[in-house]
Amino acid sequence: MGYGIHNGRIQTWALEAHIVDHCNLRCVHCCTLSPQLAPRVVEPSTLARDLTALAPVLAPQVFKLTGGEPLLHPGIVECLQLARESAIAPVLQVTTNGFLAPRMPDEFWRVLDRICVSLYPSAPLPDATLGLILQRCEDFDVELRLKPAPRFQRMDAITPHADAAEIFNGCWLRHRCHMVRDGRFFLCTRPPHLADVHGRPQLADEGVELRGGQLQRRLLEYLTAEKPLESCRFCTGSTGELEEHRQLETARASRPVS
């Protein structure tokens, strides 16, 4: 895939920031591995620093705050405001399961362009909560996208691949799910999470460090490189089987907060 450059900025589809790793649901085959990760909250100042570094050289069509469950972040309004001030993208989106939407203040809805609500059959969103979201979107002119997810893809490799080239070459994530995290730009959302789950901290270094010179050149080389990531050895990419959506049935499982 080629990437155009306009006004010195690389044109991409989307950029994500996972402002928390934990979630109030425990979905089997969660692509961000939330049920297996410890709680983590991104400092708004860290997010602002990373977006300030990226904005002059990167131009995604949409910037997404997600997780985990982003509405668990106690400073989500500040994160949204900082993202807006960075001018990183023309569309500012939150991707959420929606259960905590009733807690969100007016300023949350005021600064938002779009909210994408994932709908899960094993944890149905109450009608009253969905109705509130619909009303708030209407009140504040926020675009609402409802995303039914009756099946999840098994993305974790049962055993590491000896050669990850096939996974890398056929994977759509590396074109559409770029991520910024802790001073690095990642080709997809998986490396830092896989690093934690598999105890391989080197996987979290696979992204491009935002500090230092010639960032545009380094990003473009990284985006267009043909060598698979080491983390691809632990992932099924686009090849994993689809399974009916369900929640983990363990002692840690809990009812979603509404």
Protein backbone atom coordinates (compact mmCIF):
# COMPACT_ATOMS: atom_id res chain seq x y z
CA MET A 1 0.00 0.00 0.00
CA GLY A 2 1.31 3.42 -0.91
CA TYR A 3 1.04 6.50 1.28
CA GLY A 4 0.67 9.97 -0.20
CA ILE A 5 2.19 13.07 1.33
CA HIS A 6 0.34 16.38 1.41
CA ASN A 7 1.76 19.54 2.98
CA GLY A 8 4.54 17.47 4.51
CA ARG A 9 2.15 15.04 6.21
CA ILE A 10 1.79 11.32 5.42
CA GLN A 11 -1.84 10.52 4.55
CA THR A 12 -3.19 7.48 6.44
CA TRP A 13 -6.57 5.92 7.15
CA ALA A 14 -6.69 6.10 10.96
CA LEU A 15 -4.65 6.47 14.13
CA GLU A 16 -5.59 4.99 17.50
CA ALA A 17 -4.63 5.73 21.09
CA HIS A 18 -5.54 3.09 23.64
CA ILE A 19 -5.96 5.36 26.63
CA VAL A 20 -6.69 2.41 28.94
CA ASP A 21 -5.85 -1.28 28.60
CA HIS A 22 -8.53 -2.63 30.93
CA CYS A 23 -12.25 -3.05 30.27
CA ASN A 24 -15.53 -3.62 32.08
CA LEU A 25 -16.20 -6.62 29.80
CA ARG A 26 -14.14 -9.80 29.39
CA CYS A 27 -14.60 -10.75 25.75
CA VAL A 28 -13.00 -13.97 24.59
CA HIS A 29 -10.49 -13.24 21.78
CA CYS A 30 -10.41 -9.51 22.53
CA CYS A 31 -8.00 -8.19 19.88
CA THR A 32 -6.35 -5.87 22.41
CA LEU A 33 -6.06 -8.67 25.01
CA SER A 34 -7.77 -6.56 27.69
CA PRO A 35 -8.82 -9.51 29.90
CA GLN A 36 -5.17 -10.54 30.18
CA LEU A 37 -3.69 -7.10 30.87
CA ALA A 38 -3.26 -5.15 34.07
CA PRO A 39 -5.15 -1.85 34.44
CA ARG A 40 -3.34 0.98 32.68
CA VAL A 41 -4.30 4.63 32.26
CA VAL A 42 -2.50 6.98 29.87
CA GLU A 43 -1.57 10.37 31.26
CA PRO A 44 -3.19 13.12 29.18
CA SER A 45 0.14 14.95 29.08
CA THR A 46 1.75 11.85 27.49
CA LEU A 47 -0.95 11.72 24.85
CA ALA A 48 -0.54 15.44 24.13
CA ARG A 49 3.24 15.06 23.80
CA ASP A 50 2.89 12.18 21.32
CA LEU A 51 0.26 13.92 19.20
CA THR A 52 2.30 17.13 19.15
CA ALA A 53 5.22 15.14 17.73
CA LEU A 54 3.10 13.31 15.14
CA ALA A 55 0.77 16.05 13.88
CA PRO A 56 3.36 17.87 11.70
CA VAL A 57 4.23 14.69 9.77
CA LEU A 58 1.13 12.45 9.94
CA ALA A 59 -2.42 13.11 8.68
CA PRO A 60 -4.85 10.29 9.52
CA GLN A 61 -8.43 10.73 8.37
CA VAL A 62 -9.71 9.87 11.84
CA PHE A 63 -8.19 9.76 15.32
CA LYS A 64 -9.72 7.17 17.64
CA LEU A 65 -9.64 7.05 21.42
CA THR A 66 -10.19 3.45 22.40
CA GLY A 67 -8.95 0.78 24.77
CA GLY A 68 -9.79 -1.43 26.62
CA GLU A 69 -12.84 0.61 27.44
CA PRO A 70 -11.93 4.30 27.01
CA LEU A 71 -14.85 5.57 29.09
CA LEU A 72 -13.08 4.10 32.13
CA HIS A 73 -10.41 6.79 31.79
CA PRO A 74 -11.03 9.40 34.51
CA GLY A 75 -9.64 12.15 32.28
CA ILE A 76 -11.24 11.20 28.99
CA VAL A 77 -12.64 14.70 28.43
CA GLU A 78 -9.16 16.18 28.82
CA CYS A 79 -7.78 13.55 26.41
CA LEU A 80 -10.42 14.52 23.86
CA GLN A 81 -9.71 18.22 24.26
CA LEU A 82 -5.97 17.69 23.82
CA ALA A 83 -6.56 15.57 20.73
CA ARG A 84 -8.73 18.33 19.29
CA GLU A 85 -6.09 20.96 20.03
CA SER A 86 -3.40 18.86 18.32
CA ALA A 87 -5.31 18.97 14.99
CA ILE A 88 -4.04 15.46 14.33
CA ALA A 89 -7.17 14.53 12.32
CA PRO A 90 -10.38 16.14 11.09
CA VAL A 91 -12.53 13.48 12.79
CA LEU A 92 -12.28 12.67 16.49
CA GLN A 93 -13.87 9.34 17.46
CA VAL A 94 -14.38 7.32 20.61
CA THR A 95 -14.84 3.56 20.24
CA THR A 96 -16.68 2.07 23.20
CA ASN A 97 -19.01 -0.68 24.40
CA GLY A 98 -21.32 2.13 25.55
CA PHE A 99 -22.14 0.93 29.09
CA LEU A 100 -20.60 3.97 30.76
CA ALA A 101 -22.05 6.55 28.37
CA PRO A 102 -24.63 7.75 30.95
CA ARG A 103 -21.72 8.98 33.10
CA MET A 104 -20.27 11.20 30.41
CA PRO A 105 -20.70 14.98 30.92
CA ASP A 106 -21.87 17.44 28.30
CA GLU A 107 -18.29 18.42 27.46
CA PHE A 108 -17.55 14.84 26.37
CA TRP A 109 -20.29 15.02 23.74
CA ARG A 110 -19.49 18.60 22.80
CA VAL A 111 -15.90 17.92 21.75
CA LEU A 112 -16.66 14.65 19.92
CA ASP A 113 -17.27 14.15 16.18
CA ARG A 114 -18.19 10.47 16.19
CA ILE A 115 -18.90 7.67 18.63
CA CYS A 116 -18.68 4.04 17.55
CA VAL A 117 -20.57 1.67 19.85
CA SER A 118 -19.72 -2.03 19.65
CA LEU A 119 -22.76 -4.24 20.29
CA TYR A 120 -22.06 -7.65 21.79
CA PRO A 121 -24.63 -10.47 22.04
CA SER A 122 -23.09 -11.87 25.24
CA ALA A 123 -23.31 -8.46 26.96
CA PRO A 124 -26.29 -6.63 25.43
CA LEU A 125 -26.41 -2.88 25.92
CA PRO A 126 -29.58 -1.89 27.83
CA ASP A 127 -32.20 -0.24 25.66
CA ALA A 128 -32.27 2.75 28.00
CA THR A 129 -28.51 3.26 27.58
CA LEU A 130 -28.72 3.02 23.82
CA GLY A 131 -31.61 5.45 23.86
CA LEU A 132 -29.56 7.92 25.90
CA ILE A 133 -26.67 7.63 23.46
CA LEU A 134 -29.01 8.29 20.54
CA GLN A 135 -30.41 11.36 22.27
CA ARG A 136 -27.01 12.76 23.24
CA CYS A 137 -25.74 12.31 19.68
CA GLU A 138 -28.76 14.18 18.39
CA ASP A 139 -28.39 16.94 20.98
CA PHE A 140 -24.70 17.54 20.25
CA ASP A 141 -24.60 16.68 16.53
CA VAL A 142 -22.34 13.65 17.06
CA GLU A 143 -22.24 10.95 14.39
CA LEU A 144 -23.26 7.56 15.80
CA ARG A 145 -21.99 4.29 14.38
CA LEU A 146 -23.41 1.06 15.77
CA LYS A 147 -21.13 -1.92 15.20
CA PRO A 148 -22.74 -5.32 15.87
CA ALA A 149 -20.06 -7.88 16.70
CA PRO A 150 -21.68 -11.32 16.90
CA ARG A 151 -18.34 -13.03 16.24
CA PHE A 152 -14.73 -12.36 17.21
CA GLN A 153 -11.68 -13.50 15.28
CA ARG A 154 -9.19 -15.72 17.07
CA MET A 155 -6.10 -13.52 16.71
CA ASP A 156 -3.64 -15.18 19.08
CA ALA A 157 -1.48 -17.87 17.52
CA ILE A 158 -1.67 -21.18 19.40
CA THR A 159 2.04 -21.67 18.77
CA PRO A 160 4.46 -19.02 17.40
CA HIS A 161 4.89 -19.02 13.63
CA ALA A 162 8.34 -19.96 12.37
CA ASP A 163 7.84 -17.61 9.42
CA ALA A 164 5.38 -14.72 9.83
CA ALA A 165 5.63 -13.42 6.25
CA GLU A 166 2.23 -14.82 5.24
CA ILE A 167 0.57 -13.29 8.29
CA PHE A 168 2.20 -9.91 7.69
CA ASN A 169 1.56 -9.75 3.95
CA GLY A 170 -2.14 -10.57 4.22
CA CYS A 171 -2.97 -8.52 7.31
CA TRP A 172 -5.31 -5.55 7.02
CA LEU A 173 -4.49 -4.26 10.52
CA ARG A 174 -1.15 -2.84 9.40
CA HIS A 175 -2.91 -0.56 6.92
CA ARG A 176 -5.91 0.57 8.98
CA CYS A 177 -5.10 0.23 12.70
CA HIS A 178 -2.00 2.30 13.39
CA MET A 179 -1.42 3.23 17.01
CA VAL A 180 0.47 5.80 19.06
CA ARG A 181 1.61 4.72 22.51
CA ASP A 182 4.24 5.86 24.99
CA GLY A 183 6.34 7.85 22.54
CA ARG A 184 6.15 5.37 19.67
CA PHE A 185 4.13 4.90 16.48
CA PHE A 186 3.06 1.31 15.80
CA LEU A 187 2.05 -0.28 12.51
CA CYS A 188 -0.77 -2.08 14.34
CA THR A 189 -2.26 -2.25 17.82
CA ARG A 190 -0.87 -5.64 18.77
CA PRO A 191 2.88 -5.39 19.56
CA PRO A 192 2.76 -3.70 23.00
CA HIS A 193 -0.09 -5.94 24.19
CA LEU A 194 1.62 -9.10 22.96
CA ALA A 195 4.80 -7.93 24.67
CA ASP A 196 3.01 -7.83 28.02
CA VAL A 197 1.11 -11.10 27.61
CA HIS A 198 4.08 -13.11 26.34
CA GLY A 199 6.69 -11.49 28.54
CA ARG A 200 8.69 -10.28 25.53
CA PRO A 201 9.35 -6.58 26.16
CA GLN A 202 11.32 -6.31 22.90
CA LEU A 203 8.05 -6.49 20.96
CA ALA A 204 7.05 -3.12 22.41
CA ASP A 205 10.13 -1.59 20.75
CA GLU A 206 8.98 -2.47 17.21
CA GLY A 207 7.39 0.92 16.65
CA VAL A 208 9.06 4.12 15.50
CA GLU A 209 10.31 6.35 18.28
CA LEU A 210 8.81 9.82 17.98
CA ARG A 211 11.82 11.59 19.42
CA GLY A 212 14.68 12.43 17.10
CA GLY A 213 15.03 13.91 13.66
CA GLN A 214 13.67 12.96 10.22
CA LEU A 215 10.49 11.54 11.72
CA GLN A 216 8.56 11.71 8.45
CA ARG A 217 11.21 9.68 6.64
CA ARG A 218 11.42 7.10 9.43
CA LEU A 219 7.63 6.73 9.57
CA LEU A 220 7.34 6.30 5.81
CA GLU A 221 10.09 3.67 5.74
CA TYR A 222 8.37 1.81 8.58
CA LEU A 223 4.92 1.99 6.96
CA THR A 224 6.17 0.65 3.63
CA ALA A 225 8.69 -1.93 4.87
CA GLU A 226 8.16 -5.49 3.64
CA LYS A 227 9.79 -7.28 6.58
CA PRO A 228 7.29 -8.84 9.03
CA LEU A 229 7.19 -7.62 12.60
CA GLU A 230 8.46 -10.01 15.23
CA SER A 231 5.06 -9.74 16.92
CA CYS A 232 3.45 -11.24 13.78
CA ARG A 233 4.82 -14.59 14.96
CA PHE A 234 2.33 -14.51 17.82
CA CYS A 235 -0.69 -13.31 15.82
CA THR A 236 -3.04 -14.79 13.21
CA GLY A 237 -3.54 -11.43 11.48
CA SER A 238 -6.44 -11.78 9.05
CA THR A 239 -6.33 -15.60 8.97
CA GLY A 240 -7.82 -16.49 12.36
CA GLU A 241 -11.11 -18.35 12.59
CA LEU A 242 -14.28 -16.54 13.59
CA GLU A 243 -16.01 -17.69 16.78
CA GLU A 244 -19.30 -16.75 18.38
CA HIS A 245 -18.84 -13.83 20.74
CA ARG A 246 -18.80 -14.74 24.43
CA GLN A 247 -17.47 -13.61 27.78
CA LEU A 248 -14.78 -15.40 29.76
CA GLU A 249 -16.36 -17.58 32.41
CA THR A 250 -13.87 -17.18 35.26
CA ALA A 251 -13.92 -16.01 38.84
CA ARG A 252 -12.68 -12.62 37.66
CA ALA A 253 -15.59 -12.12 35.31
CA SER A 254 -18.11 -9.48 36.36
CA ARG A 255 -21.28 -7.92 35.08
CA PRO A 256 -20.77 -4.86 32.91
CA VAL A 257 -21.11 -1.52 34.62
CA SER A 258 -24.09 0.45 33.35
